Amino acid sequence: MVADEPTFARLMAAAQTGDKAAANVLLTEAGVWLERYFRRRVPPHQIDDLVQEVLIALHTKRATFDPARPFLPWLAAIARYRWVDHLRKVYKHDSKELMEDDAVEDSEEEVVLARVSLDRLFKHLPDKQAEAIEMVKIGGLSIREAADKTGQSESLVKVNIHRGLKKLAALVERAD
C-alpha cells in the first residue's frame, strides 16, 4: 500500500491519540515515502540512515503536528531539513579530509625557486606593472589598497595588472 495524504493524516491523528497500530503503519508508510524522496537526492548507501533519522524525528515531533494542516508537506519539511543537515555533515567531512590528506606540502626550496622565477619574469615588465601584480595577485591586496600604496588611480592599477599579465603570458608561451 502506498499511502496518500488523507491516509497519512488519519494515521497521524490516530498515532497522536496513542494508537500504537496506527503509529506502526504510519512509520512504515512514511518510510516507503521517504525512501522515494531520498532516492533522487543521495547515494543509495545513505538512504537508510536518512530515512531512520526522519522517522525518529517524526516520532518525537508528532505532538507538534496540526491535524488541520496537510501531513505530507510537514513530513517533507522534516525530510528536507534532515537532508540539508546530512549534506552539511558529508561535505564538511569531505572538505576536512581533502584539507588533511590531499594537501600538498610546499618545501622551502620550491618556494624559493618560485620566487626566483617570478623575479626573473618581472624583470621583463615595467616597474609599475610588476609592482601592481605583486601587490594584488601575489600579496592579496585589493585594487584600492594597491592604488593607495602606489599613488596610482584604481583604473591605472587594473590596466597595469592586465597589461603585465598579458606580457607575462606571452613570455611564458615563447619559452615553451
N, C-alpha and C. Protein backbone atom coordinates (compact mmCIF):
# COMPACT_ATOMS: atom_id res chain seq x y z
N MET A 1 0.85 -1.18 0.00
CA MET A 1 0.00 0.00 0.00
C MET A 1 0.89 1.24 0.00
N VAL A 2 0.58 2.17 -0.86
CA VAL A 2 1.25 3.46 -0.84
C VAL A 2 0.22 4.46 -0.33
N ALA A 3 0.50 5.00 0.85
CA ALA A 3 -0.46 5.88 1.49
C ALA A 3 -0.54 7.21 0.77
N ASP A 4 -1.73 7.78 0.79
CA ASP A 4 -1.93 9.10 0.21
C ASP A 4 -2.14 10.10 1.36
N GLU A 5 -2.33 11.35 1.01
CA GLU A 5 -2.46 12.41 2.02
C GLU A 5 -3.55 12.13 3.06
N PRO A 6 -4.78 11.79 2.64
CA PRO A 6 -5.81 11.53 3.66
C PRO A 6 -5.47 10.35 4.57
N THR A 7 -4.86 9.31 4.01
CA THR A 7 -4.49 8.15 4.82
C THR A 7 -3.41 8.55 5.83
N PHE A 8 -2.39 9.28 5.36
CA PHE A 8 -1.36 9.74 6.28
C PHE A 8 -1.96 10.61 7.39
N ALA A 9 -2.85 11.51 7.04
CA ALA A 9 -3.46 12.40 8.03
C ALA A 9 -4.25 11.60 9.07
N ARG A 10 -5.01 10.60 8.61
CA ARG A 10 -5.77 9.75 9.54
C ARG A 10 -4.84 8.97 10.47
N LEU A 11 -3.79 8.37 9.88
CA LEU A 11 -2.85 7.61 10.68
C LEU A 11 -2.15 8.49 11.72
N MET A 12 -1.78 9.69 11.31
CA MET A 12 -1.10 10.60 12.24
C MET A 12 -2.03 11.02 13.36
N ALA A 13 -3.27 11.33 13.02
CA ALA A 13 -4.24 11.72 14.05
C ALA A 13 -4.43 10.58 15.05
N ALA A 14 -4.51 9.34 14.55
CA ALA A 14 -4.67 8.19 15.44
C ALA A 14 -3.41 7.98 16.28
N ALA A 15 -2.24 8.16 15.68
CA ALA A 15 -0.98 7.99 16.41
C ALA A 15 -0.86 9.04 17.52
N GLN A 16 -1.38 10.24 17.27
CA GLN A 16 -1.32 11.29 18.28
C GLN A 16 -2.20 10.96 19.48
N THR A 17 -3.23 10.16 19.26
CA THR A 17 -4.10 9.78 20.38
C THR A 17 -3.60 8.53 21.10
N GLY A 18 -2.49 7.95 20.63
CA GLY A 18 -1.91 6.81 21.32
C GLY A 18 -2.16 5.47 20.67
N ASP A 19 -2.73 5.43 19.48
CA ASP A 19 -2.99 4.18 18.77
C ASP A 19 -1.67 3.62 18.24
N LYS A 20 -1.15 2.58 18.88
CA LYS A 20 0.15 2.02 18.51
C LYS A 20 0.13 1.36 17.13
N ALA A 21 -0.95 0.70 16.79
CA ALA A 21 -1.04 0.06 15.47
C ALA A 21 -1.00 1.12 14.37
N ALA A 22 -1.72 2.21 14.56
CA ALA A 22 -1.72 3.29 13.57
C ALA A 22 -0.33 3.92 13.48
N ALA A 23 0.34 4.05 14.62
CA ALA A 23 1.69 4.62 14.63
C ALA A 23 2.65 3.73 13.86
N ASN A 24 2.53 2.42 14.03
CA ASN A 24 3.40 1.48 13.30
C ASN A 24 3.16 1.55 11.79
N VAL A 25 1.89 1.59 11.40
CA VAL A 25 1.57 1.68 9.98
C VAL A 25 2.05 3.02 9.43
N LEU A 26 1.86 4.08 10.21
CA LEU A 26 2.31 5.41 9.79
C LEU A 26 3.82 5.41 9.55
N LEU A 27 4.58 4.86 10.48
CA LEU A 27 6.04 4.84 10.32
C LEU A 27 6.46 3.99 9.13
N THR A 28 5.78 2.88 8.92
CA THR A 28 6.10 2.02 7.78
C THR A 28 5.83 2.74 6.46
N GLU A 29 4.66 3.33 6.34
CA GLU A 29 4.29 4.03 5.11
C GLU A 29 5.14 5.28 4.91
N ALA A 30 5.44 5.99 5.99
CA ALA A 30 6.30 7.16 5.88
C ALA A 30 7.70 6.73 5.43
N GLY A 31 8.16 5.57 5.91
CA GLY A 31 9.45 5.06 5.49
C GLY A 31 9.51 4.80 4.00
N VAL A 32 8.44 4.23 3.45
CA VAL A 32 8.38 3.97 2.00
C VAL A 32 8.40 5.30 1.24
N TRP A 33 7.61 6.27 1.71
CA TRP A 33 7.56 7.57 1.07
C TRP A 33 8.93 8.26 1.13
N LEU A 34 9.59 8.16 2.27
CA LEU A 34 10.90 8.80 2.46
C LEU A 34 11.97 8.16 1.59
N GLU A 35 11.90 6.86 1.42
CA GLU A 35 12.87 6.19 0.54
C GLU A 35 12.77 6.74 -0.88
N ARG A 36 11.55 6.92 -1.36
CA ARG A 36 11.36 7.51 -2.69
C ARG A 36 11.86 8.96 -2.71
N TYR A 37 11.60 9.69 -1.64
CA TYR A 37 12.01 11.09 -1.55
C TYR A 37 13.53 11.21 -1.62
N PHE A 38 14.24 10.38 -0.88
CA PHE A 38 15.70 10.48 -0.81
C PHE A 38 16.41 9.80 -1.98
N ARG A 39 15.72 8.93 -2.70
CA ARG A 39 16.34 8.18 -3.79
C ARG A 39 16.95 9.11 -4.84
N ARG A 40 16.32 10.25 -5.08
CA ARG A 40 16.85 11.19 -6.08
C ARG A 40 17.82 12.20 -5.48
N ARG A 41 18.03 12.14 -4.17
CA ARG A 41 18.81 13.20 -3.53
C ARG A 41 20.15 12.74 -2.95
N VAL A 42 20.28 11.48 -2.62
CA VAL A 42 21.52 10.99 -2.01
C VAL A 42 21.91 9.65 -2.61
N PRO A 43 23.16 9.27 -2.46
CA PRO A 43 23.58 7.95 -2.95
C PRO A 43 22.82 6.84 -2.20
N PRO A 44 22.63 5.70 -2.85
CA PRO A 44 21.82 4.62 -2.26
C PRO A 44 22.28 4.18 -0.87
N HIS A 45 23.57 4.18 -0.59
CA HIS A 45 24.04 3.69 0.70
C HIS A 45 23.74 4.67 1.84
N GLN A 46 23.25 5.87 1.54
CA GLN A 46 22.94 6.85 2.58
C GLN A 46 21.44 6.95 2.86
N ILE A 47 20.64 6.30 2.06
CA ILE A 47 19.18 6.44 2.17
C ILE A 47 18.66 5.92 3.51
N ASP A 48 19.05 4.72 3.89
CA ASP A 48 18.51 4.12 5.12
C ASP A 48 18.77 4.98 6.35
N ASP A 49 19.97 5.52 6.46
CA ASP A 49 20.28 6.35 7.62
C ASP A 49 19.40 7.61 7.66
N LEU A 50 19.22 8.22 6.50
CA LEU A 50 18.38 9.42 6.45
C LEU A 50 16.92 9.09 6.77
N VAL A 51 16.43 7.99 6.22
CA VAL A 51 15.05 7.59 6.49
C VAL A 51 14.87 7.38 8.00
N GLN A 52 15.81 6.69 8.62
CA GLN A 52 15.71 6.44 10.07
C GLN A 52 15.73 7.74 10.86
N GLU A 53 16.60 8.68 10.46
CA GLU A 53 16.66 9.96 11.17
C GLU A 53 15.33 10.70 11.08
N VAL A 54 14.72 10.68 9.90
CA VAL A 54 13.44 11.37 9.73
C VAL A 54 12.33 10.66 10.49
N LEU A 55 12.34 9.34 10.48
CA LEU A 55 11.31 8.60 11.22
C LEU A 55 11.42 8.86 12.73
N ILE A 56 12.63 8.96 13.22
CA ILE A 56 12.82 9.29 14.64
C ILE A 56 12.30 10.70 14.91
N ALA A 57 12.61 11.64 14.01
CA ALA A 57 12.11 13.00 14.17
C ALA A 57 10.59 13.04 14.09
N LEU A 58 10.03 12.27 13.17
CA LEU A 58 8.57 12.18 13.04
C LEU A 58 7.96 11.70 14.34
N HIS A 59 8.54 10.68 14.91
CA HIS A 59 8.02 10.11 16.16
C HIS A 59 8.14 11.12 17.31
N THR A 60 9.29 11.78 17.41
CA THR A 60 9.49 12.70 18.53
C THR A 60 8.73 14.02 18.35
N LYS A 61 8.46 14.41 17.11
CA LYS A 61 7.78 15.69 16.85
C LYS A 61 6.29 15.51 16.56
N ARG A 62 5.76 14.31 16.73
CA ARG A 62 4.37 14.08 16.34
C ARG A 62 3.39 14.97 17.10
N ALA A 63 3.73 15.39 18.29
CA ALA A 63 2.83 16.26 19.06
C ALA A 63 2.73 17.65 18.44
N THR A 64 3.71 18.04 17.64
CA THR A 64 3.69 19.38 17.03
C THR A 64 2.86 19.40 15.75
N PHE A 65 2.47 18.24 15.24
CA PHE A 65 1.69 18.20 14.01
C PHE A 65 0.28 18.71 14.27
N ASP A 66 -0.18 19.62 13.40
CA ASP A 66 -1.52 20.18 13.48
C ASP A 66 -2.42 19.40 12.52
N PRO A 67 -3.39 18.62 13.03
CA PRO A 67 -4.26 17.82 12.16
C PRO A 67 -5.07 18.65 11.15
N ALA A 68 -5.18 19.94 11.38
CA ALA A 68 -5.92 20.79 10.44
C ALA A 68 -5.09 21.08 9.19
N ARG A 69 -3.82 20.77 9.24
CA ARG A 69 -2.93 21.04 8.10
C ARG A 69 -2.55 19.73 7.42
N PRO A 70 -2.09 19.79 6.15
CA PRO A 70 -1.71 18.56 5.43
C PRO A 70 -0.47 17.91 6.05
N PHE A 71 -0.45 16.60 6.00
CA PHE A 71 0.65 15.83 6.60
C PHE A 71 1.90 15.79 5.73
N LEU A 72 1.74 15.53 4.44
CA LEU A 72 2.92 15.34 3.58
C LEU A 72 3.84 16.56 3.50
N PRO A 73 3.33 17.78 3.42
CA PRO A 73 4.26 18.92 3.45
C PRO A 73 5.02 19.01 4.77
N TRP A 74 4.36 18.63 5.86
CA TRP A 74 5.01 18.63 7.17
C TRP A 74 6.13 17.59 7.19
N LEU A 75 5.85 16.40 6.68
CA LEU A 75 6.86 15.35 6.61
C LEU A 75 7.99 15.75 5.65
N ALA A 76 7.62 16.34 4.52
CA ALA A 76 8.64 16.76 3.55
C ALA A 76 9.55 17.83 4.14
N ALA A 77 9.01 18.71 4.96
CA ALA A 77 9.84 19.74 5.59
C ALA A 77 10.86 19.11 6.53
N ILE A 78 10.42 18.15 7.32
CA ILE A 78 11.35 17.44 8.22
C ILE A 78 12.42 16.74 7.39
N ALA A 79 12.00 16.06 6.32
CA ALA A 79 12.94 15.33 5.47
C ALA A 79 13.95 16.29 4.84
N ARG A 80 13.46 17.42 4.39
CA ARG A 80 14.36 18.39 3.76
C ARG A 80 15.39 18.92 4.75
N TYR A 81 14.95 19.24 5.97
CA TYR A 81 15.90 19.73 6.97
C TYR A 81 16.94 18.66 7.31
N ARG A 82 16.52 17.42 7.44
CA ARG A 82 17.47 16.34 7.72
C ARG A 82 18.43 16.13 6.56
N TRP A 83 17.90 16.26 5.33
CA TRP A 83 18.73 16.11 4.14
C TRP A 83 19.80 17.20 4.09
N VAL A 84 19.41 18.45 4.34
CA VAL A 84 20.36 19.56 4.33
C VAL A 84 21.41 19.37 5.43
N ASP A 85 20.98 18.97 6.62
CA ASP A 85 21.94 18.68 7.69
C ASP A 85 22.91 17.59 7.27
N HIS A 86 22.38 16.57 6.63
CA HIS A 86 23.21 15.47 6.15
C HIS A 86 24.24 15.96 5.14
N LEU A 87 23.81 16.80 4.19
CA LEU A 87 24.73 17.34 3.19
C LEU A 87 25.83 18.18 3.84
N ARG A 88 25.44 18.98 4.81
CA ARG A 88 26.44 19.79 5.51
C ARG A 88 27.48 18.91 6.18
N LYS A 89 27.00 17.86 6.83
CA LYS A 89 27.91 16.95 7.53
C LYS A 89 28.83 16.23 6.55
N VAL A 90 28.26 15.73 5.45
CA VAL A 90 29.05 15.00 4.47
C VAL A 90 30.09 15.90 3.83
N TYR A 91 29.66 17.10 3.38
CA TYR A 91 30.60 17.98 2.68
C TYR A 91 31.63 18.57 3.63
N LYS A 92 31.25 18.81 4.86
CA LYS A 92 32.22 19.30 5.84
C LYS A 92 33.27 18.23 6.08
N HIS A 93 32.82 16.99 6.21
CA HIS A 93 33.74 15.87 6.42
C HIS A 93 34.64 15.68 5.20
N ASP A 94 34.05 15.74 4.00
CA ASP A 94 34.83 15.57 2.77
C ASP A 94 35.87 16.68 2.61
N SER A 95 35.49 17.92 2.90
CA SER A 95 36.44 19.01 2.73
C SER A 95 37.52 18.93 3.79
N LYS A 96 37.18 18.45 4.98
CA LYS A 96 38.20 18.30 6.03
C LYS A 96 39.19 17.22 5.62
N GLU A 97 38.70 16.12 5.06
CA GLU A 97 39.59 15.06 4.58
C GLU A 97 40.48 15.58 3.47
N LEU A 98 39.90 16.37 2.57
CA LEU A 98 40.67 16.92 1.47
C LEU A 98 41.78 17.81 2.00
N MET A 99 41.45 18.63 2.98
CA MET A 99 42.45 19.53 3.53
C MET A 99 43.54 18.77 4.27
N GLU A 100 43.17 17.72 4.97
CA GLU A 100 44.15 16.98 5.77
C GLU A 100 44.97 16.02 4.93
N ASP A 101 44.33 15.26 4.06
CA ASP A 101 45.01 14.18 3.35
C ASP A 101 45.64 14.60 2.04
N ASP A 102 44.97 15.46 1.30
CA ASP A 102 45.41 15.75 -0.05
C ASP A 102 46.22 17.04 -0.18
N ALA A 103 46.48 17.70 0.93
CA ALA A 103 47.21 18.96 0.86
C ALA A 103 48.65 18.70 0.43
N VAL A 104 49.09 19.52 -0.47
CA VAL A 104 50.46 19.42 -0.94
C VAL A 104 51.31 20.30 -0.04
N GLU A 105 52.33 19.71 0.50
CA GLU A 105 53.19 20.49 1.37
C GLU A 105 54.28 21.12 0.52
N ASP A 106 54.41 22.45 0.65
CA ASP A 106 55.45 23.16 -0.07
C ASP A 106 56.76 23.03 0.70
N SER A 107 57.79 22.71 -0.03
CA SER A 107 59.09 22.71 0.61
C SER A 107 59.66 24.11 0.50
N GLU A 108 60.56 24.45 1.36
CA GLU A 108 61.19 25.77 1.32
C GLU A 108 61.88 25.98 -0.02
N GLU A 109 62.47 24.92 -0.54
CA GLU A 109 63.20 25.01 -1.80
C GLU A 109 62.26 25.40 -2.95
N GLU A 110 61.07 24.80 -3.00
CA GLU A 110 60.11 25.11 -4.05
C GLU A 110 59.66 26.56 -3.98
N VAL A 111 59.45 27.06 -2.77
CA VAL A 111 59.03 28.44 -2.58
C VAL A 111 60.11 29.39 -3.09
N VAL A 112 61.36 29.11 -2.74
CA VAL A 112 62.48 29.95 -3.18
C VAL A 112 62.60 29.92 -4.70
N LEU A 113 62.51 28.74 -5.29
CA LEU A 113 62.61 28.62 -6.75
C LEU A 113 61.48 29.37 -7.45
N ALA A 114 60.27 29.29 -6.90
CA ALA A 114 59.14 30.00 -7.49
C ALA A 114 59.36 31.51 -7.42
N ARG A 115 59.88 31.97 -6.29
CA ARG A 115 60.13 33.40 -6.12
C ARG A 115 61.21 33.89 -7.10
N VAL A 116 62.26 33.08 -7.27
CA VAL A 116 63.33 33.44 -8.22
C VAL A 116 62.77 33.50 -9.64
N SER A 117 61.93 32.53 -10.00
CA SER A 117 61.32 32.52 -11.34
C SER A 117 60.44 33.75 -11.55
N LEU A 118 59.68 34.11 -10.53
CA LEU A 118 58.84 35.30 -10.63
C LEU A 118 59.68 36.55 -10.81
N ASP A 119 60.72 36.66 -10.02
CA ASP A 119 61.59 37.84 -10.12
C ASP A 119 62.20 37.95 -11.52
N ARG A 120 62.58 36.81 -12.08
CA ARG A 120 63.14 36.82 -13.45
C ARG A 120 62.10 37.29 -14.46
N LEU A 121 60.87 36.82 -14.31
CA LEU A 121 59.81 37.24 -15.21
C LEU A 121 59.48 38.72 -15.04
N PHE A 122 59.45 39.18 -13.79
CA PHE A 122 59.11 40.57 -13.51
C PHE A 122 60.14 41.54 -14.10
N LYS A 123 61.38 41.10 -14.34
CA LYS A 123 62.41 41.97 -14.92
C LYS A 123 62.04 42.39 -16.34
N HIS A 124 61.16 41.62 -16.98
CA HIS A 124 60.73 41.93 -18.35
C HIS A 124 59.56 42.91 -18.38
N LEU A 125 59.07 43.29 -17.21
CA LEU A 125 57.92 44.19 -17.13
C LEU A 125 58.36 45.57 -16.66
N PRO A 126 57.59 46.58 -17.03
CA PRO A 126 57.82 47.89 -16.42
C PRO A 126 57.57 47.80 -14.91
N ASP A 127 58.27 48.61 -14.13
CA ASP A 127 58.20 48.54 -12.67
C ASP A 127 56.77 48.66 -12.15
N LYS A 128 55.97 49.56 -12.71
CA LYS A 128 54.60 49.79 -12.22
C LYS A 128 53.73 48.53 -12.44
N GLN A 129 53.93 47.85 -13.56
CA GLN A 129 53.16 46.63 -13.82
C GLN A 129 53.57 45.52 -12.86
N ALA A 130 54.86 45.33 -12.68
CA ALA A 130 55.34 44.29 -11.76
C ALA A 130 54.87 44.57 -10.34
N GLU A 131 54.94 45.85 -9.95
CA GLU A 131 54.52 46.24 -8.60
C GLU A 131 53.03 45.97 -8.39
N ALA A 132 52.20 46.32 -9.37
CA ALA A 132 50.75 46.11 -9.26
C ALA A 132 50.42 44.62 -9.18
N ILE A 133 51.05 43.81 -10.01
CA ILE A 133 50.81 42.36 -9.98
C ILE A 133 51.26 41.79 -8.64
N GLU A 134 52.41 42.21 -8.18
CA GLU A 134 52.95 41.73 -6.90
C GLU A 134 51.97 42.02 -5.76
N MET A 135 51.49 43.24 -5.70
CA MET A 135 50.61 43.65 -4.60
C MET A 135 49.25 42.96 -4.64
N VAL A 136 48.64 42.93 -5.82
CA VAL A 136 47.26 42.45 -5.91
C VAL A 136 47.20 40.93 -6.08
N LYS A 137 47.91 40.40 -7.06
CA LYS A 137 47.77 38.97 -7.38
C LYS A 137 48.57 38.08 -6.44
N ILE A 138 49.68 38.57 -5.93
CA ILE A 138 50.51 37.73 -5.05
C ILE A 138 50.30 38.12 -3.60
N GLY A 139 50.29 39.42 -3.34
CA GLY A 139 50.16 39.90 -1.95
C GLY A 139 48.75 39.89 -1.43
N GLY A 140 47.76 39.83 -2.32
CA GLY A 140 46.36 39.74 -1.89
C GLY A 140 45.72 41.07 -1.54
N LEU A 141 46.36 42.18 -1.89
CA LEU A 141 45.75 43.49 -1.63
C LEU A 141 44.61 43.72 -2.60
N SER A 142 43.69 44.57 -2.19
CA SER A 142 42.62 44.96 -3.11
C SER A 142 43.16 46.00 -4.08
N ILE A 143 42.42 46.25 -5.13
CA ILE A 143 42.82 47.26 -6.11
C ILE A 143 42.96 48.62 -5.41
N ARG A 144 42.02 48.93 -4.57
CA ARG A 144 42.04 50.21 -3.85
C ARG A 144 43.29 50.32 -2.96
N GLU A 145 43.60 49.25 -2.23
CA GLU A 145 44.78 49.27 -1.36
C GLU A 145 46.07 49.45 -2.18
N ALA A 146 46.14 48.75 -3.30
CA ALA A 146 47.32 48.88 -4.17
C ALA A 146 47.42 50.29 -4.73
N ALA A 147 46.28 50.87 -5.10
CA ALA A 147 46.27 52.23 -5.62
C ALA A 147 46.76 53.21 -4.56
N ASP A 148 46.31 53.04 -3.33
CA ASP A 148 46.75 53.91 -2.24
C ASP A 148 48.25 53.79 -2.00
N LYS A 149 48.78 52.56 -2.03
CA LYS A 149 50.21 52.35 -1.76
C LYS A 149 51.11 52.88 -2.89
N THR A 150 50.63 52.76 -4.13
CA THR A 150 51.47 53.16 -5.27
C THR A 150 51.24 54.60 -5.71
N GLY A 151 50.14 55.19 -5.26
CA GLY A 151 49.83 56.55 -5.68
C GLY A 151 49.18 56.59 -7.06
N GLN A 152 48.84 55.44 -7.61
CA GLN A 152 48.17 55.37 -8.91
C GLN A 152 46.66 55.36 -8.70
N SER A 153 45.92 55.66 -9.76
CA SER A 153 44.47 55.52 -9.67
C SER A 153 44.12 54.03 -9.72
N GLU A 154 42.91 53.71 -9.27
CA GLU A 154 42.47 52.31 -9.30
C GLU A 154 42.44 51.80 -10.74
N SER A 155 42.00 52.66 -11.66
CA SER A 155 41.94 52.26 -13.07
C SER A 155 43.33 51.95 -13.61
N LEU A 156 44.30 52.75 -13.23
CA LEU A 156 45.66 52.53 -13.71
C LEU A 156 46.24 51.24 -13.13
N VAL A 157 45.91 50.94 -11.88
CA VAL A 157 46.38 49.68 -11.28
C VAL A 157 45.81 48.50 -12.07
N LYS A 158 44.52 48.57 -12.38
CA LYS A 158 43.88 47.49 -13.16
C LYS A 158 44.53 47.35 -14.54
N VAL A 159 44.78 48.47 -15.19
CA VAL A 159 45.41 48.44 -16.51
C VAL A 159 46.81 47.83 -16.41
N ASN A 160 47.58 48.26 -15.41
CA ASN A 160 48.93 47.72 -15.23
C ASN A 160 48.91 46.22 -14.99
N ILE A 161 47.97 45.76 -14.20
CA ILE A 161 47.85 44.31 -13.95
C ILE A 161 47.51 43.59 -15.24
N HIS A 162 46.53 44.10 -15.95
CA HIS A 162 46.10 43.45 -17.20
C HIS A 162 47.24 43.38 -18.21
N ARG A 163 47.88 44.51 -18.43
CA ARG A 163 48.98 44.55 -19.42
C ARG A 163 50.15 43.68 -18.98
N GLY A 164 50.46 43.73 -17.67
CA GLY A 164 51.57 42.93 -17.16
C GLY A 164 51.32 41.44 -17.29
N LEU A 165 50.11 41.01 -16.94
CA LEU A 165 49.78 39.58 -17.06
C LEU A 165 49.78 39.14 -18.52
N LYS A 166 49.32 40.01 -19.39
CA LYS A 166 49.30 39.69 -20.81
C LYS A 166 50.74 39.51 -21.33
N LYS A 167 51.63 40.39 -20.90
CA LYS A 167 53.03 40.29 -21.33
C LYS A 167 53.69 39.05 -20.73
N LEU A 168 53.38 38.75 -19.46
CA LEU A 168 53.94 37.54 -18.82
C LEU A 168 53.47 36.28 -19.55
N ALA A 169 52.19 36.25 -19.91
CA ALA A 169 51.66 35.09 -20.64
C ALA A 169 52.38 34.92 -21.97
N ALA A 170 52.64 36.02 -22.66
CA ALA A 170 53.36 35.94 -23.94
C ALA A 170 54.78 35.44 -23.72
N LEU A 171 55.42 35.89 -22.65
CA LEU A 171 56.79 35.44 -22.35
C LEU A 171 56.82 33.94 -22.07
N VAL A 172 55.87 33.47 -21.31
CA VAL A 172 55.82 32.05 -20.96
C VAL A 172 55.52 31.22 -22.20
N GLU A 173 54.63 31.70 -23.06
CA GLU A 173 54.32 30.97 -24.29
C GLU A 173 55.54 30.85 -25.19
N ARG A 174 56.31 31.94 -25.31
CA ARG A 174 57.52 31.90 -26.14
C ARG A 174 58.56 30.95 -25.56
N ALA A 175 58.58 30.85 -24.24
CA ALA A 175 59.57 29.96 -23.60
C ALA A 175 59.25 28.51 -23.86
N ASP A 176 57.97 28.20 -24.05
CA ASP A 176 57.56 26.81 -24.32
C ASP A 176 57.90 26.49 -25.73
